[in-house]
Amino acid sequence: MPASVTDAALARLRRLGPGCVTALEQLSVVPTLVDFPLADALLGERLEELAEAEEHGIIETRADGLAFRHELARRALEKTLPRLRHRALHRAVVRALRATTSPDKERLVHHAVQADDAATVVEFAPGAGREARSAGSHRQALAQFDATLPYADRLPPVERAWLVADHSWELYLAHRFREAVIEALEAAGRYDELARSARSAKPC
């Protein structure tokens, strides 16, 4: 983002009160429209602070939620957040999404990755990847498996082998053939190891 655009966006934010800016910071880590249930969960009574931002044309209220009027303004504000603050705001989104009865898995994983929440990534990303694959969304499937791999050691051996095999197939479909072969060989090795363990565990 050009520095001039960032400076212009931040100049508008400096006109707002601190409570409004704090509420905007929370919204800035959500790259899509923030539906009202999520906004209420994240901000509670502080939601009223955003009236000032709406009056200044920074956010807009739509029928289904809140959104920054301009994506560049959201990105400019998010860019100013210190790493620990950024991480904490994403963790707040993870908590809010997990509290719902049927969270959007792809959205949840996005925030969990940014929050360094390995447990949530491992719990939801593999399933989200397989759902995306079943729907024919192979790019999204690859993204979910990519998100899981750094935490793959948290998975049981069978699920880890399954993840590597799934990732290999999506790499192949993405024409990343060399990586796909490497992953396929790793998956085959893991399945062989599981087979040997199963044979050795059988009673004589």
N, C-alpha and C. Protein backbone atom coordinates (compact mmCIF):
# COMPACT_ATOMS: atom_id res chain seq x y z
N MET A 1 0.84 -1.18 0.00
CA MET A 1 0.00 0.00 0.00
C MET A 1 0.88 1.24 0.00
N PRO A 2 0.66 2.19 -0.93
CA PRO A 2 1.49 3.41 -0.95
C PRO A 2 1.41 4.16 0.36
N ALA A 3 2.55 4.73 0.77
CA ALA A 3 2.59 5.45 2.05
C ALA A 3 1.60 6.62 2.05
N SER A 4 1.42 7.27 0.90
CA SER A 4 0.51 8.41 0.84
C SER A 4 -0.93 8.00 1.13
N VAL A 5 -1.31 6.80 0.65
CA VAL A 5 -2.66 6.31 0.90
C VAL A 5 -2.82 5.97 2.38
N THR A 6 -1.81 5.33 2.95
CA THR A 6 -1.86 4.99 4.37
C THR A 6 -1.97 6.25 5.21
N ASP A 7 -1.16 7.25 4.91
CA ASP A 7 -1.17 8.50 5.69
C ASP A 7 -2.52 9.18 5.59
N ALA A 8 -3.12 9.20 4.41
CA ALA A 8 -4.42 9.85 4.22
C ALA A 8 -5.50 9.13 5.04
N ALA A 9 -5.46 7.79 5.02
CA ALA A 9 -6.46 7.03 5.77
C ALA A 9 -6.29 7.23 7.27
N LEU A 10 -5.05 7.25 7.74
CA LEU A 10 -4.81 7.41 9.17
C LEU A 10 -5.13 8.82 9.63
N ALA A 11 -4.97 9.79 8.75
CA ALA A 11 -5.29 11.18 9.11
C ALA A 11 -6.77 11.30 9.46
N ARG A 12 -7.62 10.59 8.74
CA ARG A 12 -9.05 10.63 9.04
C ARG A 12 -9.34 9.96 10.38
N LEU A 13 -8.60 8.91 10.68
CA LEU A 13 -8.83 8.20 11.94
C LEU A 13 -8.42 9.04 13.15
N ARG A 14 -7.44 9.93 12.97
CA ARG A 14 -6.97 10.74 14.09
C ARG A 14 -8.02 11.74 14.57
N ARG A 15 -9.03 11.95 13.78
CA ARG A 15 -10.10 12.88 14.17
C ARG A 15 -11.08 12.23 15.14
N LEU A 16 -10.98 10.93 15.30
CA LEU A 16 -11.94 10.19 16.12
C LEU A 16 -11.47 10.08 17.56
N GLY A 17 -12.44 9.88 18.45
CA GLY A 17 -12.12 9.69 19.86
C GLY A 17 -11.43 8.36 20.10
N PRO A 18 -10.72 8.22 21.22
CA PRO A 18 -9.97 6.99 21.49
C PRO A 18 -10.86 5.75 21.60
N GLY A 19 -12.06 5.90 22.16
CA GLY A 19 -12.94 4.74 22.27
C GLY A 19 -13.37 4.24 20.90
N CYS A 20 -13.63 5.16 20.01
CA CYS A 20 -14.03 4.79 18.64
C CYS A 20 -12.87 4.10 17.92
N VAL A 21 -11.67 4.64 18.09
CA VAL A 21 -10.50 4.04 17.43
C VAL A 21 -10.26 2.63 17.95
N THR A 22 -10.41 2.43 19.24
CA THR A 22 -10.22 1.10 19.82
C THR A 22 -11.22 0.10 19.23
N ALA A 23 -12.47 0.53 19.07
CA ALA A 23 -13.48 -0.35 18.47
C ALA A 23 -13.15 -0.63 17.01
N LEU A 24 -12.67 0.38 16.30
CA LEU A 24 -12.29 0.20 14.90
C LEU A 24 -11.11 -0.75 14.76
N GLU A 25 -10.19 -0.69 15.70
CA GLU A 25 -9.05 -1.61 15.66
C GLU A 25 -9.53 -3.06 15.71
N GLN A 26 -10.53 -3.31 16.55
CA GLN A 26 -11.05 -4.68 16.63
C GLN A 26 -11.67 -5.10 15.30
N LEU A 27 -12.41 -4.21 14.67
CA LEU A 27 -13.03 -4.55 13.39
C LEU A 27 -12.00 -4.67 12.27
N SER A 28 -10.89 -3.97 12.40
CA SER A 28 -9.92 -3.92 11.31
C SER A 28 -9.27 -5.27 11.03
N VAL A 29 -9.29 -6.18 11.99
CA VAL A 29 -8.65 -7.49 11.76
C VAL A 29 -9.59 -8.46 11.07
N VAL A 30 -10.83 -8.05 10.82
CA VAL A 30 -11.80 -8.90 10.11
C VAL A 30 -11.87 -8.40 8.67
N PRO A 31 -11.34 -9.15 7.71
CA PRO A 31 -11.23 -8.65 6.34
C PRO A 31 -12.51 -8.70 5.53
N THR A 32 -13.61 -9.08 6.14
CA THR A 32 -14.88 -9.11 5.44
C THR A 32 -15.90 -8.32 6.25
N LEU A 33 -17.09 -8.28 5.75
CA LEU A 33 -18.17 -7.65 6.50
C LEU A 33 -18.33 -8.32 7.86
N VAL A 34 -18.53 -7.52 8.90
CA VAL A 34 -18.71 -8.05 10.26
C VAL A 34 -20.20 -8.09 10.54
N ASP A 35 -20.76 -9.30 10.58
CA ASP A 35 -22.19 -9.38 10.82
C ASP A 35 -22.50 -8.91 12.24
N PHE A 36 -23.75 -8.53 12.46
CA PHE A 36 -24.11 -7.92 13.75
C PHE A 36 -23.91 -8.85 14.94
N PRO A 37 -24.22 -10.15 14.85
CA PRO A 37 -23.93 -11.02 16.00
C PRO A 37 -22.45 -11.02 16.37
N LEU A 38 -21.57 -11.06 15.36
CA LEU A 38 -20.14 -11.03 15.64
C LEU A 38 -19.73 -9.69 16.20
N ALA A 39 -20.25 -8.60 15.64
CA ALA A 39 -19.93 -7.27 16.15
C ALA A 39 -20.36 -7.12 17.60
N ASP A 40 -21.55 -7.61 17.93
CA ASP A 40 -22.03 -7.55 19.31
C ASP A 40 -21.13 -8.36 20.24
N ALA A 41 -20.72 -9.56 19.77
CA ALA A 41 -19.87 -10.41 20.60
C ALA A 41 -18.50 -9.77 20.84
N LEU A 42 -17.98 -9.08 19.83
CA LEU A 42 -16.65 -8.49 19.95
C LEU A 42 -16.65 -7.19 20.75
N LEU A 43 -17.71 -6.40 20.60
CA LEU A 43 -17.69 -5.04 21.15
C LEU A 43 -18.69 -4.80 22.27
N GLY A 44 -19.76 -5.56 22.31
CA GLY A 44 -20.76 -5.34 23.35
C GLY A 44 -21.28 -3.91 23.33
N GLU A 45 -21.28 -3.26 24.49
CA GLU A 45 -21.78 -1.88 24.58
C GLU A 45 -20.87 -0.90 23.84
N ARG A 46 -19.63 -1.29 23.57
CA ARG A 46 -18.72 -0.40 22.84
C ARG A 46 -19.13 -0.23 21.39
N LEU A 47 -20.09 -1.01 20.94
CA LEU A 47 -20.54 -0.90 19.55
C LEU A 47 -21.05 0.51 19.26
N GLU A 48 -21.62 1.17 20.26
CA GLU A 48 -22.13 2.52 20.08
C GLU A 48 -21.02 3.52 19.76
N GLU A 49 -19.80 3.19 20.17
CA GLU A 49 -18.67 4.10 19.90
C GLU A 49 -18.47 4.27 18.40
N LEU A 50 -18.92 3.31 17.60
CA LEU A 50 -18.68 3.35 16.16
C LEU A 50 -19.58 4.35 15.44
N ALA A 51 -20.56 4.92 16.16
CA ALA A 51 -21.41 5.92 15.52
C ALA A 51 -20.59 7.09 15.00
N GLU A 52 -19.55 7.44 15.74
CA GLU A 52 -18.68 8.54 15.31
C GLU A 52 -17.97 8.19 14.00
N ALA A 53 -17.51 6.96 13.89
CA ALA A 53 -16.84 6.54 12.66
C ALA A 53 -17.81 6.52 11.49
N GLU A 54 -19.06 6.14 11.76
CA GLU A 54 -20.06 6.14 10.70
C GLU A 54 -20.35 7.57 10.23
N GLU A 55 -20.43 8.49 11.17
CA GLU A 55 -20.68 9.89 10.82
C GLU A 55 -19.56 10.47 9.95
N HIS A 56 -18.33 10.00 10.18
CA HIS A 56 -17.18 10.48 9.41
C HIS A 56 -16.97 9.69 8.11
N GLY A 57 -17.87 8.76 7.81
CA GLY A 57 -17.77 8.01 6.57
C GLY A 57 -16.68 6.97 6.54
N ILE A 58 -16.23 6.50 7.71
CA ILE A 58 -15.18 5.50 7.76
C ILE A 58 -15.76 4.09 7.71
N ILE A 59 -16.86 3.88 8.38
CA ILE A 59 -17.56 2.62 8.28
C ILE A 59 -18.98 2.88 7.82
N GLU A 60 -19.64 1.83 7.37
CA GLU A 60 -21.03 1.94 6.96
C GLU A 60 -21.83 0.79 7.54
N THR A 61 -23.06 1.08 7.86
CA THR A 61 -23.96 0.07 8.38
C THR A 61 -24.81 -0.46 7.23
N ARG A 62 -24.73 -1.76 7.02
CA ARG A 62 -25.51 -2.41 5.97
C ARG A 62 -26.60 -3.26 6.61
N ALA A 63 -27.42 -3.84 5.79
CA ALA A 63 -28.52 -4.63 6.33
C ALA A 63 -28.03 -5.83 7.12
N ASP A 64 -26.87 -6.35 6.75
CA ASP A 64 -26.38 -7.57 7.38
C ASP A 64 -25.14 -7.37 8.24
N GLY A 65 -24.72 -6.13 8.49
CA GLY A 65 -23.58 -5.93 9.37
C GLY A 65 -22.85 -4.63 9.11
N LEU A 66 -21.61 -4.58 9.59
CA LEU A 66 -20.78 -3.39 9.50
C LEU A 66 -19.58 -3.66 8.59
N ALA A 67 -19.12 -2.62 7.92
CA ALA A 67 -17.95 -2.76 7.06
C ALA A 67 -17.26 -1.42 6.92
N PHE A 68 -15.94 -1.46 6.75
CA PHE A 68 -15.22 -0.24 6.40
C PHE A 68 -15.69 0.21 5.02
N ARG A 69 -15.91 1.50 4.89
CA ARG A 69 -16.36 2.01 3.59
C ARG A 69 -15.32 1.77 2.51
N HIS A 70 -14.04 1.86 2.90
CA HIS A 70 -12.96 1.63 1.95
C HIS A 70 -12.01 0.58 2.54
N GLU A 71 -11.72 -0.45 1.79
CA GLU A 71 -10.83 -1.51 2.24
C GLU A 71 -9.44 -0.97 2.59
N LEU A 72 -8.99 0.05 1.86
CA LEU A 72 -7.66 0.62 2.14
C LEU A 72 -7.59 1.21 3.54
N ALA A 73 -8.70 1.77 4.02
CA ALA A 73 -8.72 2.32 5.38
C ALA A 73 -8.58 1.21 6.40
N ARG A 74 -9.27 0.10 6.16
CA ARG A 74 -9.16 -1.04 7.09
C ARG A 74 -7.73 -1.56 7.12
N ARG A 75 -7.14 -1.73 5.95
CA ARG A 75 -5.79 -2.26 5.88
C ARG A 75 -4.78 -1.30 6.50
N ALA A 76 -5.00 -0.01 6.31
CA ALA A 76 -4.08 0.97 6.89
C ALA A 76 -4.11 0.91 8.40
N LEU A 77 -5.31 0.80 8.97
CA LEU A 77 -5.42 0.72 10.43
C LEU A 77 -4.83 -0.58 10.95
N GLU A 78 -5.14 -1.68 10.31
CA GLU A 78 -4.60 -2.97 10.75
C GLU A 78 -3.07 -2.96 10.71
N LYS A 79 -2.53 -2.30 9.71
CA LYS A 79 -1.07 -2.26 9.55
C LYS A 79 -0.38 -1.55 10.71
N THR A 80 -1.08 -0.63 11.38
CA THR A 80 -0.46 0.13 12.47
C THR A 80 -0.44 -0.65 13.79
N LEU A 81 -1.16 -1.77 13.86
CA LEU A 81 -1.29 -2.49 15.13
C LEU A 81 0.01 -3.18 15.50
N PRO A 82 0.48 -3.01 16.73
CA PRO A 82 1.63 -3.81 17.19
C PRO A 82 1.30 -5.30 17.13
N ARG A 83 2.31 -6.11 16.98
CA ARG A 83 2.11 -7.56 16.80
C ARG A 83 1.29 -8.17 17.93
N LEU A 84 1.59 -7.83 19.18
CA LEU A 84 0.85 -8.42 20.29
C LEU A 84 -0.60 -7.97 20.30
N ARG A 85 -0.84 -6.72 19.96
CA ARG A 85 -2.21 -6.21 19.89
C ARG A 85 -2.97 -6.91 18.75
N HIS A 86 -2.32 -7.04 17.62
CA HIS A 86 -2.91 -7.71 16.47
C HIS A 86 -3.30 -9.15 16.83
N ARG A 87 -2.40 -9.83 17.50
CA ARG A 87 -2.64 -11.21 17.91
C ARG A 87 -3.82 -11.30 18.88
N ALA A 88 -3.87 -10.38 19.84
CA ALA A 88 -4.95 -10.39 20.83
C ALA A 88 -6.31 -10.12 20.19
N LEU A 89 -6.35 -9.23 19.21
CA LEU A 89 -7.62 -8.92 18.54
C LEU A 89 -8.11 -10.12 17.74
N HIS A 90 -7.20 -10.84 17.11
CA HIS A 90 -7.60 -12.05 16.39
C HIS A 90 -8.07 -13.12 17.37
N ARG A 91 -7.45 -13.20 18.51
CA ARG A 91 -7.89 -14.18 19.51
C ARG A 91 -9.31 -13.87 19.98
N ALA A 92 -9.64 -12.59 20.07
CA ALA A 92 -11.01 -12.22 20.44
C ALA A 92 -12.00 -12.69 19.38
N VAL A 93 -11.62 -12.59 18.11
CA VAL A 93 -12.50 -13.06 17.04
C VAL A 93 -12.65 -14.57 17.11
N VAL A 94 -11.56 -15.28 17.38
CA VAL A 94 -11.63 -16.74 17.50
C VAL A 94 -12.60 -17.13 18.61
N ARG A 95 -12.49 -16.47 19.76
CA ARG A 95 -13.39 -16.80 20.88
C ARG A 95 -14.85 -16.55 20.49
N ALA A 96 -15.09 -15.45 19.81
CA ALA A 96 -16.46 -15.12 19.42
C ALA A 96 -17.01 -16.12 18.41
N LEU A 97 -16.20 -16.51 17.45
CA LEU A 97 -16.66 -17.46 16.44
C LEU A 97 -16.87 -18.85 17.03
N ARG A 98 -15.99 -19.24 17.92
CA ARG A 98 -16.12 -20.57 18.53
C ARG A 98 -17.36 -20.66 19.40
N ALA A 99 -17.84 -19.53 19.88
CA ALA A 99 -19.02 -19.53 20.75
C ALA A 99 -20.31 -19.72 19.97
N THR A 100 -20.25 -19.62 18.64
CA THR A 100 -21.44 -19.81 17.82
C THR A 100 -21.70 -21.30 17.60
N THR A 101 -22.94 -21.63 17.24
CA THR A 101 -23.30 -23.04 17.09
C THR A 101 -22.66 -23.68 15.86
N SER A 102 -22.52 -22.95 14.78
CA SER A 102 -21.92 -23.51 13.56
C SER A 102 -21.01 -22.46 12.93
N PRO A 103 -19.80 -22.31 13.44
CA PRO A 103 -18.91 -21.28 12.93
C PRO A 103 -18.46 -21.55 11.50
N ASP A 104 -18.19 -20.48 10.78
CA ASP A 104 -17.60 -20.58 9.44
C ASP A 104 -16.16 -21.07 9.64
N LYS A 105 -15.89 -22.30 9.24
CA LYS A 105 -14.59 -22.91 9.53
C LYS A 105 -13.45 -22.16 8.85
N GLU A 106 -13.66 -21.78 7.60
CA GLU A 106 -12.59 -21.10 6.87
C GLU A 106 -12.25 -19.77 7.54
N ARG A 107 -13.26 -19.05 7.94
CA ARG A 107 -13.05 -17.77 8.63
C ARG A 107 -12.38 -17.99 9.98
N LEU A 108 -12.84 -19.01 10.69
CA LEU A 108 -12.27 -19.31 12.00
C LEU A 108 -10.79 -19.66 11.89
N VAL A 109 -10.44 -20.46 10.90
CA VAL A 109 -9.04 -20.85 10.72
C VAL A 109 -8.18 -19.63 10.38
N HIS A 110 -8.70 -18.74 9.54
CA HIS A 110 -7.95 -17.52 9.20
C HIS A 110 -7.55 -16.77 10.46
N HIS A 111 -8.50 -16.56 11.35
CA HIS A 111 -8.21 -15.80 12.57
C HIS A 111 -7.34 -16.62 13.53
N ALA A 112 -7.53 -17.93 13.56
CA ALA A 112 -6.71 -18.76 14.44
C ALA A 112 -5.25 -18.73 14.02
N VAL A 113 -4.99 -18.73 12.72
CA VAL A 113 -3.61 -18.64 12.23
C VAL A 113 -2.98 -17.32 12.68
N GLN A 114 -3.73 -16.24 12.50
CA GLN A 114 -3.21 -14.93 12.89
C GLN A 114 -3.03 -14.81 14.40
N ALA A 115 -3.82 -15.58 15.15
CA ALA A 115 -3.75 -15.54 16.62
C ALA A 115 -2.76 -16.54 17.19
N ASP A 116 -2.07 -17.29 16.31
CA ASP A 116 -1.15 -18.35 16.77
C ASP A 116 -1.88 -19.36 17.64
N ASP A 117 -3.13 -19.63 17.31
CA ASP A 117 -3.95 -20.56 18.07
C ASP A 117 -3.88 -21.94 17.39
N ALA A 118 -2.85 -22.68 17.73
CA ALA A 118 -2.60 -23.96 17.08
C ALA A 118 -3.74 -24.95 17.31
N ALA A 119 -4.30 -24.96 18.52
CA ALA A 119 -5.35 -25.93 18.83
C ALA A 119 -6.56 -25.75 17.93
N THR A 120 -6.94 -24.50 17.68
CA THR A 120 -8.10 -24.24 16.83
C THR A 120 -7.79 -24.59 15.38
N VAL A 121 -6.59 -24.27 14.92
CA VAL A 121 -6.20 -24.61 13.55
C VAL A 121 -6.29 -26.11 13.33
N VAL A 122 -5.71 -26.87 14.24
CA VAL A 122 -5.70 -28.34 14.10
C VAL A 122 -7.11 -28.91 14.18
N GLU A 123 -7.96 -28.30 14.99
CA GLU A 123 -9.32 -28.80 15.16
C GLU A 123 -10.19 -28.57 13.92
N PHE A 124 -10.01 -27.42 13.27
CA PHE A 124 -10.95 -27.04 12.22
C PHE A 124 -10.38 -27.05 10.80
N ALA A 125 -9.09 -26.78 10.63
CA ALA A 125 -8.57 -26.60 9.27
C ALA A 125 -8.64 -27.87 8.41
N PRO A 126 -8.26 -29.05 8.92
CA PRO A 126 -8.35 -30.24 8.05
C PRO A 126 -9.78 -30.48 7.54
N GLY A 127 -10.75 -30.35 8.42
CA GLY A 127 -12.14 -30.54 7.99
C GLY A 127 -12.57 -29.48 7.00
N ALA A 128 -12.14 -28.24 7.23
CA ALA A 128 -12.48 -27.16 6.30
C ALA A 128 -11.86 -27.43 4.93
N GLY A 129 -10.64 -27.96 4.92
CA GLY A 129 -9.99 -28.28 3.66
C GLY A 129 -10.72 -29.36 2.90
N ARG A 130 -11.18 -30.38 3.60
CA ARG A 130 -11.88 -31.48 2.93
C ARG A 130 -13.27 -31.05 2.45
N GLU A 131 -13.90 -30.16 3.20
CA GLU A 131 -15.19 -29.63 2.74
C GLU A 131 -14.99 -28.78 1.49
N ALA A 132 -13.95 -27.97 1.48
CA ALA A 132 -13.68 -27.14 0.30
C ALA A 132 -13.37 -28.03 -0.90
N ARG A 133 -12.60 -29.09 -0.69
CA ARG A 133 -12.28 -30.01 -1.79
C ARG A 133 -13.54 -30.66 -2.34
N SER A 134 -14.44 -31.08 -1.45
CA SER A 134 -15.68 -31.71 -1.90
C SER A 134 -16.53 -30.75 -2.71
N ALA A 135 -16.41 -29.46 -2.39
CA ALA A 135 -17.17 -28.44 -3.12
C ALA A 135 -16.47 -27.99 -4.39
N GLY A 136 -15.29 -28.57 -4.66
CA GLY A 136 -14.55 -28.20 -5.85
C GLY A 136 -13.69 -26.96 -5.70
N SER A 137 -13.54 -26.47 -4.47
CA SER A 137 -12.74 -25.26 -4.22
C SER A 137 -11.32 -25.68 -3.81
N HIS A 138 -10.53 -26.07 -4.79
CA HIS A 138 -9.23 -26.65 -4.47
C HIS A 138 -8.23 -25.62 -3.96
N ARG A 139 -8.35 -24.39 -4.38
CA ARG A 139 -7.45 -23.36 -3.85
C ARG A 139 -7.69 -23.16 -2.35
N GLN A 140 -8.97 -23.13 -1.96
CA GLN A 140 -9.28 -22.99 -0.54
C GLN A 140 -8.85 -24.23 0.23
N ALA A 141 -9.01 -25.40 -0.38
CA ALA A 141 -8.59 -26.64 0.29
C ALA A 141 -7.10 -26.62 0.55
N LEU A 142 -6.32 -26.21 -0.45
CA LEU A 142 -4.87 -26.14 -0.28
C LEU A 142 -4.50 -25.17 0.82
N ALA A 143 -5.19 -24.04 0.88
CA ALA A 143 -4.90 -23.04 1.92
C ALA A 143 -5.15 -23.61 3.31
N GLN A 144 -6.22 -24.40 3.46
CA GLN A 144 -6.51 -24.98 4.78
C GLN A 144 -5.48 -26.03 5.17
N PHE A 145 -5.05 -26.85 4.21
CA PHE A 145 -4.03 -27.85 4.53
C PHE A 145 -2.68 -27.16 4.80
N ASP A 146 -2.38 -26.11 4.05
CA ASP A 146 -1.16 -25.33 4.31
C ASP A 146 -1.17 -24.79 5.74
N ALA A 147 -2.32 -24.33 6.18
CA ALA A 147 -2.42 -23.77 7.53
C ALA A 147 -2.20 -24.82 8.61
N THR A 148 -2.58 -26.06 8.31
CA THR A 148 -2.48 -27.12 9.31
C THR A 148 -1.08 -27.69 9.44
N LEU A 149 -0.34 -27.75 8.34
CA LEU A 149 0.94 -28.47 8.33
C LEU A 149 1.93 -28.00 9.41
N PRO A 150 2.05 -26.69 9.70
CA PRO A 150 3.00 -26.31 10.75
C PRO A 150 2.68 -26.91 12.12
N TYR A 151 1.44 -27.35 12.31
CA TYR A 151 1.02 -27.92 13.59
C TYR A 151 0.71 -29.40 13.47
N ALA A 152 1.17 -30.03 12.39
CA ALA A 152 0.81 -31.42 12.12
C ALA A 152 1.29 -32.37 13.20
N ASP A 153 2.34 -32.00 13.94
CA ASP A 153 2.84 -32.90 14.99
C ASP A 153 1.85 -33.03 16.14
N ARG A 154 0.83 -32.19 16.16
CA ARG A 154 -0.20 -32.29 17.19
C ARG A 154 -1.25 -33.34 16.84
N LEU A 155 -1.25 -33.82 15.60
CA LEU A 155 -2.25 -34.79 15.16
C LEU A 155 -1.81 -36.22 15.48
N PRO A 156 -2.75 -37.12 15.69
CA PRO A 156 -2.39 -38.54 15.82
C PRO A 156 -1.75 -39.01 14.50
N PRO A 157 -0.93 -40.06 14.57
CA PRO A 157 -0.20 -40.52 13.38
C PRO A 157 -1.07 -40.77 12.15
N VAL A 158 -2.22 -41.41 12.34
CA VAL A 158 -3.08 -41.71 11.20
C VAL A 158 -3.57 -40.42 10.55
N GLU A 159 -4.03 -39.48 11.36
CA GLU A 159 -4.55 -38.23 10.82
C GLU A 159 -3.43 -37.40 10.18
N ARG A 160 -2.23 -37.51 10.72
CA ARG A 160 -1.11 -36.77 10.13
C ARG A 160 -0.78 -37.33 8.74
N ALA A 161 -0.77 -38.65 8.61
CA ALA A 161 -0.52 -39.25 7.30
C ALA A 161 -1.62 -38.87 6.31
N TRP A 162 -2.84 -38.85 6.77
CA TRP A 162 -3.97 -38.47 5.93
C TRP A 162 -3.82 -37.02 5.47
N LEU A 163 -3.42 -36.14 6.38
CA LEU A 163 -3.23 -34.73 6.04
C LEU A 163 -2.16 -34.56 4.96
N VAL A 164 -1.04 -35.25 5.12
CA VAL A 164 0.04 -35.13 4.15
C VAL A 164 -0.41 -35.62 2.78
N ALA A 165 -1.18 -36.70 2.76
CA ALA A 165 -1.69 -37.23 1.49
C ALA A 165 -2.66 -36.25 0.84
N ASP A 166 -3.54 -35.68 1.64
CA ASP A 166 -4.48 -34.68 1.12
C ASP A 166 -3.73 -33.47 0.56
N HIS A 167 -2.73 -33.03 1.29
CA HIS A 167 -1.95 -31.87 0.86
C HIS A 167 -1.23 -32.17 -0.45
N SER A 168 -0.70 -33.38 -0.56
CA SER A 168 -0.01 -33.78 -1.79
C SER A 168 -0.93 -33.69 -2.99
N TRP A 169 -2.15 -34.16 -2.84
CA TRP A 169 -3.09 -34.16 -3.96
C TRP A 169 -3.45 -32.74 -4.38
N GLU A 170 -3.64 -31.86 -3.41
CA GLU A 170 -3.97 -30.48 -3.75
C GLU A 170 -2.78 -29.76 -4.39
N LEU A 171 -1.58 -30.09 -3.97
CA LEU A 171 -0.39 -29.54 -4.63
C LEU A 171 -0.33 -29.99 -6.08
N TYR A 172 -0.67 -31.24 -6.32
CA TYR A 172 -0.69 -31.77 -7.69
C TYR A 172 -1.71 -31.00 -8.55
N LEU A 173 -2.89 -30.79 -8.01
CA LEU A 173 -3.93 -30.08 -8.75
C LEU A 173 -3.54 -28.62 -9.01
N ALA A 174 -2.69 -28.08 -8.14
CA ALA A 174 -2.21 -26.71 -8.31
C ALA A 174 -0.99 -26.64 -9.23
N HIS A 175 -0.62 -27.78 -9.84
CA HIS A 175 0.52 -27.88 -10.76
C HIS A 175 1.86 -27.62 -10.05
N ARG A 176 1.89 -27.88 -8.76
CA ARG A 176 3.14 -27.78 -8.00
C ARG A 176 3.67 -29.22 -7.86
N PHE A 177 4.10 -29.76 -9.00
CA PHE A 177 4.33 -31.19 -9.11
C PHE A 177 5.50 -31.68 -8.25
N ARG A 178 6.59 -30.94 -8.22
CA ARG A 178 7.75 -31.38 -7.42
C ARG A 178 7.37 -31.50 -5.94
N GLU A 179 6.68 -30.47 -5.42
CA GLU A 179 6.26 -30.52 -4.02
C GLU A 179 5.26 -31.65 -3.80
N ALA A 180 4.39 -31.87 -4.79
CA ALA A 180 3.39 -32.92 -4.66
C ALA A 180 4.05 -34.29 -4.53
N VAL A 181 5.09 -34.54 -5.33
CA VAL A 181 5.79 -35.82 -5.27
C VAL A 181 6.46 -36.00 -3.91
N ILE A 182 7.11 -34.95 -3.43
CA ILE A 182 7.78 -35.04 -2.12
C ILE A 182 6.77 -35.37 -1.02
N GLU A 183 5.63 -34.69 -1.06
CA GLU A 183 4.60 -34.93 -0.04
C GLU A 183 4.01 -36.34 -0.19
N ALA A 184 3.84 -36.79 -1.43
CA ALA A 184 3.29 -38.13 -1.65
C ALA A 184 4.22 -39.20 -1.09
N LEU A 185 5.52 -39.02 -1.30
CA LEU A 185 6.49 -39.97 -0.76
C LEU A 185 6.47 -39.97 0.76
N GLU A 186 6.32 -38.78 1.34
CA GLU A 186 6.25 -38.71 2.80
C GLU A 186 4.99 -39.43 3.30
N ALA A 187 3.87 -39.20 2.61
CA ALA A 187 2.63 -39.85 3.02
C ALA A 187 2.76 -41.37 2.92
N ALA A 188 3.37 -41.85 1.82
CA ALA A 188 3.56 -43.29 1.65
C ALA A 188 4.42 -43.86 2.77
N GLY A 189 5.47 -43.14 3.13
CA GLY A 189 6.33 -43.59 4.22
C GLY A 189 5.57 -43.65 5.54
N ARG A 190 4.71 -42.67 5.78
CA ARG A 190 3.94 -42.66 7.03
C ARG A 190 2.93 -43.82 7.05
N TYR A 191 2.29 -44.10 5.91
CA TYR A 191 1.35 -45.22 5.87
C TYR A 191 2.08 -46.55 6.06
N ASP A 192 3.28 -46.68 5.48
CA ASP A 192 4.07 -47.90 5.67
C ASP A 192 4.41 -48.09 7.14
N GLU A 193 4.79 -47.00 7.78
CA GLU A 193 5.14 -47.08 9.20
C GLU A 193 3.93 -47.49 10.04
N LEU A 194 2.77 -46.94 9.70
CA LEU A 194 1.56 -47.32 10.42
C LEU A 194 1.23 -48.79 10.20
N ALA A 195 1.45 -49.28 8.98
CA ALA A 195 1.17 -50.70 8.70
C ALA A 195 2.11 -51.59 9.49
N ARG A 196 3.39 -51.21 9.55
CA ARG A 196 4.35 -52.01 10.32
C ARG A 196 3.98 -52.03 11.79
N SER A 197 3.56 -50.88 12.31
CA SER A 197 3.18 -50.81 13.72
C SER A 197 1.96 -51.69 13.99
N ALA A 198 1.03 -51.68 13.05
CA ALA A 198 -0.19 -52.49 13.24
C ALA A 198 0.15 -53.98 13.21
N ARG A 199 1.08 -54.38 12.31
CA ARG A 199 1.46 -55.79 12.25
C ARG A 199 2.18 -56.22 13.52
N SER A 200 3.06 -55.36 14.00
CA SER A 200 3.83 -55.73 15.20
C SER A 200 2.95 -55.78 16.45
N ALA A 201 1.83 -55.05 16.40
CA ALA A 201 0.95 -55.02 17.56
C ALA A 201 0.03 -56.22 17.63
N LYS A 202 -0.07 -57.00 16.52
CA LYS A 202 -0.96 -58.17 16.51
C LYS A 202 -0.40 -59.26 17.41
N PRO A 203 -1.25 -59.94 18.16
CA PRO A 203 -0.77 -61.04 19.00
C PRO A 203 -0.27 -62.20 18.14
N CYS A 204 0.74 -62.87 18.62
CA CYS A 204 1.30 -64.00 17.86
C CYS A 204 0.34 -65.20 17.93
